Amino acid sequence: AFDKINAPVFSLLLAGAVISLIGMEIGAFIYRHKKKE
């Protein structure tokens, strides 16, 4: 629309990675708990 180039918003990379880390850690916790049982 404005014929210019905007840089990506790198803070969104961090936000997406944190969301993924939280889900991954909860899943990994369940995996470790079942493995221990």
All heavy atoms as atom14 arrays in JSON, in Angstrom:
{
  "sequence": "AFDKINAPVFSLLLAGAVISLIGMEIGAFIYRHKKKE",
  "atom14_mask": [
    [1, 1, 1, 1, 1, 0, 0, 0, 0, 0, 0, 0, 0, 0],
    [1, 1, 1, 1, 1, 1, 1, 1, 1, 1, 1, 0, 0, 0],
    [1, 1, 1, 1, 1, 1, 1, 1, 0, 0, 0, 0, 0, 0],
    [1, 1, 1, 1, 1, 1, 1, 1, 1, 0, 0, 0, 0, 0],
    [1, 1, 1, 1, 1, 1, 1, 1, 0, 0, 0, 0, 0, 0],
    [1, 1, 1, 1, 1, 1, 1, 1, 0, 0, 0, 0, 0, 0],
    [1, 1, 1, 1, 1, 0, 0, 0, 0, 0, 0, 0, 0, 0],
    [1, 1, 1, 1, 1, 1, 1, 0, 0, 0, 0, 0, 0, 0],
    [1, 1, 1, 1, 1, 1, 1, 0, 0, 0, 0, 0, 0, 0],
    [1, 1, 1, 1, 1, 1, 1, 1, 1, 1, 1, 0, 0, 0],
    [1, 1, 1, 1, 1, 1, 0, 0, 0, 0, 0, 0, 0, 0],
    [1, 1, 1, 1, 1, 1, 1, 1, 0, 0, 0, 0, 0, 0],
    [1, 1, 1, 1, 1, 1, 1, 1, 0, 0, 0, 0, 0, 0],
    [1, 1, 1, 1, 1, 1, 1, 1, 0, 0, 0, 0, 0, 0],
    [1, 1, 1, 1, 1, 0, 0, 0, 0, 0, 0, 0, 0, 0],
    [1, 1, 1, 1, 0, 0, 0, 0, 0, 0, 0, 0, 0, 0],
    [1, 1, 1, 1, 1, 0, 0, 0, 0, 0, 0, 0, 0, 0],
    [1, 1, 1, 1, 1, 1, 1, 0, 0, 0, 0, 0, 0, 0],
    [1, 1, 1, 1, 1, 1, 1, 1, 0, 0, 0, 0, 0, 0],
    [1, 1, 1, 1, 1, 1, 0, 0, 0, 0, 0, 0, 0, 0],
    [1, 1, 1, 1, 1, 1, 1, 1, 0, 0, 0, 0, 0, 0],
    [1, 1, 1, 1, 1, 1, 1, 1, 0, 0, 0, 0, 0, 0],
    [1, 1, 1, 1, 0, 0, 0, 0, 0, 0, 0, 0, 0, 0],
    [1, 1, 1, 1, 1, 1, 1, 1, 0, 0, 0, 0, 0, 0],
    [1, 1, 1, 1, 1, 1, 1, 1, 1, 0, 0, 0, 0, 0],
    [1, 1, 1, 1, 1, 1, 1, 1, 0, 0, 0, 0, 0, 0],
    [1, 1, 1, 1, 0, 0, 0, 0, 0, 0, 0, 0, 0, 0],
    [1, 1, 1, 1, 1, 0, 0, 0, 0, 0, 0, 0, 0, 0],
    [1, 1, 1, 1, 1, 1, 1, 1, 1, 1, 1, 0, 0, 0],
    [1, 1, 1, 1, 1, 1, 1, 1, 0, 0, 0, 0, 0, 0],
    [1, 1, 1, 1, 1, 1, 1, 1, 1, 1, 1, 1, 0, 0],
    [1, 1, 1, 1, 1, 1, 1, 1, 1, 1, 1, 0, 0, 0],
    [1, 1, 1, 1, 1, 1, 1, 1, 1, 1, 0, 0, 0, 0],
    [1, 1, 1, 1, 1, 1, 1, 1, 1, 0, 0, 0, 0, 0],
    [1, 1, 1, 1, 1, 1, 1, 1, 1, 0, 0, 0, 0, 0],
    [1, 1, 1, 1, 1, 1, 1, 1, 1, 0, 0, 0, 0, 0],
    [1, 1, 1, 1, 1, 1, 1, 1, 1, 0, 0, 0, 0, 0]
  ],
  "atom14_positions": [
    [[0.82, -1.22, 0.0], [0.0, 0.0, 0.0], [0.85, 1.27, 0.0], [0.49, 2.25, -0.65], [-0.94, 0.0, 1.2], [0.0, 0.0, 0.0], [0.0, 0.0, 0.0], [0.0, 0.0, 0.0], [0.0, 0.0, 0.0], [0.0, 0.0, 0.0], [0.0, 0.0, 0.0], [0.0, 0.0, 0.0], [0.0, 0.0, 0.0], [0.0, 0.0, 0.0]],
    [[1.96, 1.26, 0.71], [2.76, 2.47, 0.84], [4.09, 2.4, 0.11], [4.93, 3.29, 0.27], [2.97, 2.8, 2.33], [1.69, 3.13, 3.03], [1.08, 2.19, 3.87], [1.06, 4.34, 2.82], [-0.11, 2.49, 4.5], [-0.12, 4.64, 3.45], [-0.72, 3.71, 4.3], [0.0, 0.0, 0.0], [0.0, 0.0, 0.0], [0.0, 0.0, 0.0]],
    [[4.3, 1.35, -0.68], [5.48, 1.19, -1.5], [6.77, 1.39, -0.68], [7.64, 2.19, -1.02], [5.45, 2.18, -2.68], [6.46, 1.81, -3.75], [6.75, 0.61, -3.88], [6.96, 2.73, -4.43], [0.0, 0.0, 0.0], [0.0, 0.0, 0.0], [0.0, 0.0, 0.0], [0.0, 0.0, 0.0], [0.0, 0.0, 0.0], [0.0, 0.0, 0.0]],
    [[6.84, 0.64, 0.41], [8.03, 0.67, 1.24], [8.25, -0.72, 1.81], [7.41, -1.59, 1.68], [7.89, 1.69, 2.37], [6.82, 1.38, 3.38], [6.81, 2.4, 4.49], [5.86, 1.92, 5.57], [6.06, 2.66, 6.8], [0.0, 0.0, 0.0], [0.0, 0.0, 0.0], [0.0, 0.0, 0.0], [0.0, 0.0, 0.0], [0.0, 0.0, 0.0]],
    [[9.38, -0.91, 2.44], [9.7, -2.22, 3.0], [9.82, -2.09, 4.51], [10.63, -1.31, 5.01], [11.01, -2.78, 2.41], [10.84, -3.0, 0.91], [11.4, -4.07, 3.12], [12.08, -3.47, 0.21], [0.0, 0.0, 0.0], [0.0, 0.0, 0.0], [0.0, 0.0, 0.0], [0.0, 0.0, 0.0], [0.0, 0.0, 0.0], [0.0, 0.0, 0.0]],
    [[8.99, -2.86, 5.21], [9.03, -2.91, 6.67], [9.81, -4.15, 7.09], [9.69, -5.19, 6.47], [7.63, -3.0, 7.25], [6.82, -1.76, 6.97], [7.31, -0.66, 7.1], [5.58, -1.94, 6.56], [0.0, 0.0, 0.0], [0.0, 0.0, 0.0], [0.0, 0.0, 0.0], [0.0, 0.0, 0.0], [0.0, 0.0, 0.0], [0.0, 0.0, 0.0]],
    [[10.56, -4.02, 8.14], [11.27, -5.17, 8.69], [10.29, -6.04, 9.49], [9.29, -5.54, 10.02], [12.39, -4.71, 9.61], [0.0, 0.0, 0.0], [0.0, 0.0, 0.0], [0.0, 0.0, 0.0], [0.0, 0.0, 0.0], [0.0, 0.0, 0.0], [0.0, 0.0, 0.0], [0.0, 0.0, 0.0], [0.0, 0.0, 0.0], [0.0, 0.0, 0.0]],
    [[10.55, -7.34, 9.56], [9.7, -8.2, 10.4], [9.79, -7.77, 11.86], [10.79, -7.22, 12.31], [10.31, -9.59, 10.22], [11.16, -9.52, 9.01], [11.59, -8.1, 8.87], [0.0, 0.0, 0.0], [0.0, 0.0, 0.0], [0.0, 0.0, 0.0], [0.0, 0.0, 0.0], [0.0, 0.0, 0.0], [0.0, 0.0, 0.0], [0.0, 0.0, 0.0]],
    [[8.74, -8.06, 12.6], [8.69, -7.75, 14.03], [9.25, -8.97, 14.77], [8.55, -9.96, 14.97], [7.25, -7.44, 14.49], [7.21, -7.12, 15.96], [6.67, -6.31, 13.66], [0.0, 0.0, 0.0], [0.0, 0.0, 0.0], [0.0, 0.0, 0.0], [0.0, 0.0, 0.0], [0.0, 0.0, 0.0], [0.0, 0.0, 0.0], [0.0, 0.0, 0.0]],
    [[10.52, -8.88, 15.15], [11.19, -10.04, 15.73], [10.69, -10.39, 17.12], [10.91, -11.51, 17.58], [12.71, -9.83, 15.73], [13.3, -9.9, 14.35], [13.64, -8.75, 13.67], [13.46, -11.12, 13.72], [14.17, -8.8, 12.4], [13.98, -11.19, 12.44], [14.33, -10.03, 11.77], [0.0, 0.0, 0.0], [0.0, 0.0, 0.0], [0.0, 0.0, 0.0]],
    [[10.0, -9.48, 17.78], [9.43, -9.83, 19.08], [8.33, -10.88, 18.92], [8.06, -11.64, 19.86], [8.88, -8.59, 19.78], [7.85, -8.01, 19.02], [0.0, 0.0, 0.0], [0.0, 0.0, 0.0], [0.0, 0.0, 0.0], [0.0, 0.0, 0.0], [0.0, 0.0, 0.0], [0.0, 0.0, 0.0], [0.0, 0.0, 0.0], [0.0, 0.0, 0.0]],
    [[7.72, -10.97, 17.74], [6.72, -12.01, 17.5], [7.37, -13.39, 17.43], [6.74, -14.39, 17.78], [5.94, -11.72, 16.22], [5.01, -10.51, 16.27], [4.39, -10.26, 14.91], [3.95, -10.71, 17.32], [0.0, 0.0, 0.0], [0.0, 0.0, 0.0], [0.0, 0.0, 0.0], [0.0, 0.0, 0.0], [0.0, 0.0, 0.0], [0.0, 0.0, 0.0]],
    [[8.62, -13.44, 16.98], [9.35, -14.71, 16.99], [9.48, -15.21, 18.43], [9.23, -16.38, 18.71], [10.72, -14.54, 16.36], [11.53, -15.82, 16.17], [12.3, -15.74, 14.86], [12.47, -16.1, 17.29], [0.0, 0.0, 0.0], [0.0, 0.0, 0.0], [0.0, 0.0, 0.0], [0.0, 0.0, 0.0], [0.0, 0.0, 0.0], [0.0, 0.0, 0.0]],
    [[9.82, -14.31, 19.32], [9.94, -14.66, 20.73], [8.59, -15.08, 21.3], [8.5, -16.07, 22.03], [10.51, -13.48, 21.52], [10.7, -13.71, 23.01], [11.7, -14.84, 23.25], [11.16, -12.44, 23.69], [0.0, 0.0, 0.0], [0.0, 0.0, 0.0], [0.0, 0.0, 0.0], [0.0, 0.0, 0.0], [0.0, 0.0, 0.0], [0.0, 0.0, 0.0]],
    [[7.53, -14.37, 20.95], [6.2, -14.71, 21.46], [5.78, -16.11, 21.01], [5.31, -16.92, 21.82], [5.18, -13.67, 21.0], [0.0, 0.0, 0.0], [0.0, 0.0, 0.0], [0.0, 0.0, 0.0], [0.0, 0.0, 0.0], [0.0, 0.0, 0.0], [0.0, 0.0, 0.0], [0.0, 0.0, 0.0], [0.0, 0.0, 0.0], [0.0, 0.0, 0.0]],
    [[5.96, -16.4, 19.73], [5.61, -17.73, 19.22], [6.46, -18.82, 19.83], [5.96, -19.91, 20.15], [0.0, 0.0, 0.0], [0.0, 0.0, 0.0], [0.0, 0.0, 0.0], [0.0, 0.0, 0.0], [0.0, 0.0, 0.0], [0.0, 0.0, 0.0], [0.0, 0.0, 0.0], [0.0, 0.0, 0.0], [0.0, 0.0, 0.0], [0.0, 0.0, 0.0]],
    [[7.75, -18.54, 20.03], [8.63, -19.54, 20.63], [8.27, -19.8, 22.09], [8.31, -20.95, 22.55], [10.08, -19.08, 20.52], [0.0, 0.0, 0.0], [0.0, 0.0, 0.0], [0.0, 0.0, 0.0], [0.0, 0.0, 0.0], [0.0, 0.0, 0.0], [0.0, 0.0, 0.0], [0.0, 0.0, 0.0], [0.0, 0.0, 0.0], [0.0, 0.0, 0.0]],
    [[7.87, -18.77, 22.81], [7.47, -18.95, 24.22], [6.19, -19.78, 24.32], [6.09, -20.68, 25.16], [7.32, -17.58, 24.92], [6.6, -17.71, 26.26], [8.68, -16.93, 25.11], [0.0, 0.0, 0.0], [0.0, 0.0, 0.0], [0.0, 0.0, 0.0], [0.0, 0.0, 0.0], [0.0, 0.0, 0.0], [0.0, 0.0, 0.0], [0.0, 0.0, 0.0]],
    [[5.23, -19.5, 23.45], [4.0, -20.3, 23.43], [4.34, -21.76, 23.18], [3.84, -22.67, 23.85], [3.02, -19.77, 22.37], [2.51, -18.39, 22.77], [1.86, -20.74, 22.15], [1.8, -17.65, 21.65], [0.0, 0.0, 0.0], [0.0, 0.0, 0.0], [0.0, 0.0, 0.0], [0.0, 0.0, 0.0], [0.0, 0.0, 0.0], [0.0, 0.0, 0.0]],
    [[5.22, -22.0, 22.21], [5.64, -23.36, 21.9], [6.4, -24.0, 23.06], [6.18, -25.17, 23.38], [6.51, -23.35, 20.64], [6.94, -24.65, 20.32], [0.0, 0.0, 0.0], [0.0, 0.0, 0.0], [0.0, 0.0, 0.0], [0.0, 0.0, 0.0], [0.0, 0.0, 0.0], [0.0, 0.0, 0.0], [0.0, 0.0, 0.0], [0.0, 0.0, 0.0]],
    [[7.29, -23.24, 23.68], [8.05, -23.77, 24.83], [7.14, -24.19, 25.97], [7.38, -25.23, 26.6], [9.04, -22.72, 25.33], [10.36, -22.63, 24.59], [11.13, -21.39, 25.03], [11.19, -23.87, 24.8], [0.0, 0.0, 0.0], [0.0, 0.0, 0.0], [0.0, 0.0, 0.0], [0.0, 0.0, 0.0], [0.0, 0.0, 0.0], [0.0, 0.0, 0.0]],
    [[6.11, -23.42, 26.23], [5.19, -23.76, 27.32], [4.47, -25.07, 27.0], [4.4, -25.97, 27.83], [4.19, -22.61, 27.57], [4.91, -21.39, 28.13], [3.07, -23.06, 28.52], [4.08, -20.12, 28.16], [0.0, 0.0, 0.0], [0.0, 0.0, 0.0], [0.0, 0.0, 0.0], [0.0, 0.0, 0.0], [0.0, 0.0, 0.0], [0.0, 0.0, 0.0]],
    [[3.93, -25.18, 25.79], [3.27, -26.42, 25.4], [4.21, -27.61, 25.41], [3.88, -28.7, 25.87], [0.0, 0.0, 0.0], [0.0, 0.0, 0.0], [0.0, 0.0, 0.0], [0.0, 0.0, 0.0], [0.0, 0.0, 0.0], [0.0, 0.0, 0.0], [0.0, 0.0, 0.0], [0.0, 0.0, 0.0], [0.0, 0.0, 0.0], [0.0, 0.0, 0.0]],
    [[5.42, -27.39, 24.9], [6.42, -28.46, 24.84], [6.81, -28.91, 26.24], [6.93, -30.11, 26.5], [7.65, -27.95, 24.09], [8.64, -29.0, 23.74], [8.37, -29.78, 22.16], [8.41, -28.41, 21.04], [0.0, 0.0, 0.0], [0.0, 0.0, 0.0], [0.0, 0.0, 0.0], [0.0, 0.0, 0.0], [0.0, 0.0, 0.0], [0.0, 0.0, 0.0]],
    [[7.0, -27.98, 27.15], [7.41, -28.34, 28.5], [6.3, -29.09, 29.24], [6.58, -30.05, 29.95], [7.83, -27.1, 29.3], [8.29, -27.41, 30.71], [9.41, -28.45, 30.79], [10.33, -28.41, 29.97], [9.33, -29.32, 31.68], [0.0, 0.0, 0.0], [0.0, 0.0, 0.0], [0.0, 0.0, 0.0], [0.0, 0.0, 0.0], [0.0, 0.0, 0.0]],
    [[5.07, -28.68, 29.06], [3.96, -29.4, 29.7], [3.89, -30.83, 29.15], [3.75, -31.79, 29.9], [2.63, -28.65, 29.51], [2.65, -27.34, 30.3], [1.44, -29.52, 29.94], [1.48, -26.42, 29.99], [0.0, 0.0, 0.0], [0.0, 0.0, 0.0], [0.0, 0.0, 0.0], [0.0, 0.0, 0.0], [0.0, 0.0, 0.0], [0.0, 0.0, 0.0]],
    [[4.0, -30.96, 27.84], [4.0, -32.29, 27.23], [5.19, -33.12, 27.67], [5.06, -34.32, 27.98], [0.0, 0.0, 0.0], [0.0, 0.0, 0.0], [0.0, 0.0, 0.0], [0.0, 0.0, 0.0], [0.0, 0.0, 0.0], [0.0, 0.0, 0.0], [0.0, 0.0, 0.0], [0.0, 0.0, 0.0], [0.0, 0.0, 0.0], [0.0, 0.0, 0.0]],
    [[6.37, -32.53, 27.74], [7.58, -33.24, 28.16], [7.47, -33.66, 29.63], [7.94, -34.73, 30.01], [8.81, -32.37, 27.94], [0.0, 0.0, 0.0], [0.0, 0.0, 0.0], [0.0, 0.0, 0.0], [0.0, 0.0, 0.0], [0.0, 0.0, 0.0], [0.0, 0.0, 0.0], [0.0, 0.0, 0.0], [0.0, 0.0, 0.0], [0.0, 0.0, 0.0]],
    [[6.84, -32.82, 30.45], [6.63, -33.16, 31.85], [5.76, -34.42, 31.96], [6.07, -35.33, 32.73], [5.99, -32.0, 32.6], [5.63, -32.33, 34.02], [6.6, -32.33, 35.0], [4.32, -32.65, 34.37], [6.29, -32.64, 36.31], [4.0, -32.97, 35.67], [4.98, -32.96, 36.65], [0.0, 0.0, 0.0], [0.0, 0.0, 0.0], [0.0, 0.0, 0.0]],
    [[4.7, -34.48, 31.19], [3.83, -35.66, 31.19], [4.6, -36.88, 30.7], [4.5, -37.97, 31.26], [2.56, -35.41, 30.35], [1.69, -34.36, 31.04], [1.78, -36.7, 30.1], [0.54, -33.86, 30.2], [0.0, 0.0, 0.0], [0.0, 0.0, 0.0], [0.0, 0.0, 0.0], [0.0, 0.0, 0.0], [0.0, 0.0, 0.0], [0.0, 0.0, 0.0]],
    [[5.41, -36.71, 29.65], [6.22, -37.8, 29.13], [7.18, -38.34, 30.19], [7.27, -39.54, 30.41], [7.01, -37.34, 27.89], [8.0, -38.35, 27.4], [7.59, -39.44, 26.63], [9.35, -38.24, 27.7], [8.49, -40.37, 26.17], [10.27, -39.16, 27.24], [9.84, -40.23, 26.49], [10.74, -41.16, 26.03], [0.0, 0.0, 0.0], [0.0, 0.0, 0.0]],
    [[7.87, -37.42, 30.88], [8.81, -37.85, 31.93], [8.09, -38.53, 33.08], [8.57, -39.52, 33.64], [9.61, -36.65, 32.44], [10.63, -36.13, 31.46], [11.54, -35.09, 32.08], [10.84, -33.94, 32.62], [10.61, -32.81, 31.94], [11.03, -32.69, 30.7], [9.97, -31.81, 32.52], [0.0, 0.0, 0.0], [0.0, 0.0, 0.0], [0.0, 0.0, 0.0]],
    [[6.92, -38.01, 33.44], [6.14, -38.58, 34.54], [5.68, -40.01, 34.18], [5.8, -40.91, 35.0], [4.95, -37.7, 34.85], [4.14, -38.14, 36.01], [4.62, -38.11, 37.3], [2.89, -38.66, 36.09], [3.7, -38.59, 38.12], [2.64, -38.92, 37.41], [0.0, 0.0, 0.0], [0.0, 0.0, 0.0], [0.0, 0.0, 0.0], [0.0, 0.0, 0.0]],
    [[5.19, -40.2, 32.96], [4.76, -41.54, 32.54], [5.94, -42.5, 32.45], [5.84, -43.67, 32.8], [4.04, -41.47, 31.2], [2.64, -40.96, 31.3], [1.95, -41.04, 29.95], [0.51, -40.59, 30.07], [-0.2, -40.72, 28.8], [0.0, 0.0, 0.0], [0.0, 0.0, 0.0], [0.0, 0.0, 0.0], [0.0, 0.0, 0.0], [0.0, 0.0, 0.0]],
    [[7.07, -42.0, 31.97], [8.27, -42.82, 31.85], [8.74, -43.25, 33.23], [9.13, -44.4, 33.44], [9.36, -42.04, 31.12], [10.56, -42.85, 30.77], [11.53, -42.01, 29.95], [12.79, -42.79, 29.66], [13.77, -41.98, 28.95], [0.0, 0.0, 0.0], [0.0, 0.0, 0.0], [0.0, 0.0, 0.0], [0.0, 0.0, 0.0], [0.0, 0.0, 0.0]],
    [[8.67, -42.34, 34.21], [9.07, -42.64, 35.57], [8.14, -43.67, 36.2], [8.58, -44.56, 36.92], [9.1, -41.36, 36.41], [9.82, -41.51, 37.72], [9.79, -40.23, 38.53], [10.74, -39.23, 37.91], [10.83, -37.99, 38.71], [0.0, 0.0, 0.0], [0.0, 0.0, 0.0], [0.0, 0.0, 0.0], [0.0, 0.0, 0.0], [0.0, 0.0, 0.0]],
    [[6.83, -43.56, 35.89], [5.87, -44.53, 36.44], [6.08, -45.93, 35.86], [5.93, -46.92, 36.56], [4.44, -44.09, 36.13], [3.92, -43.01, 37.02], [2.48, -42.63, 36.69], [1.95, -43.14, 35.68], [1.92, -41.83, 37.41], [0.0, 0.0, 0.0], [0.0, 0.0, 0.0], [0.0, 0.0, 0.0], [0.0, 0.0, 0.0], [0.0, 0.0, 0.0]]
  ]
}
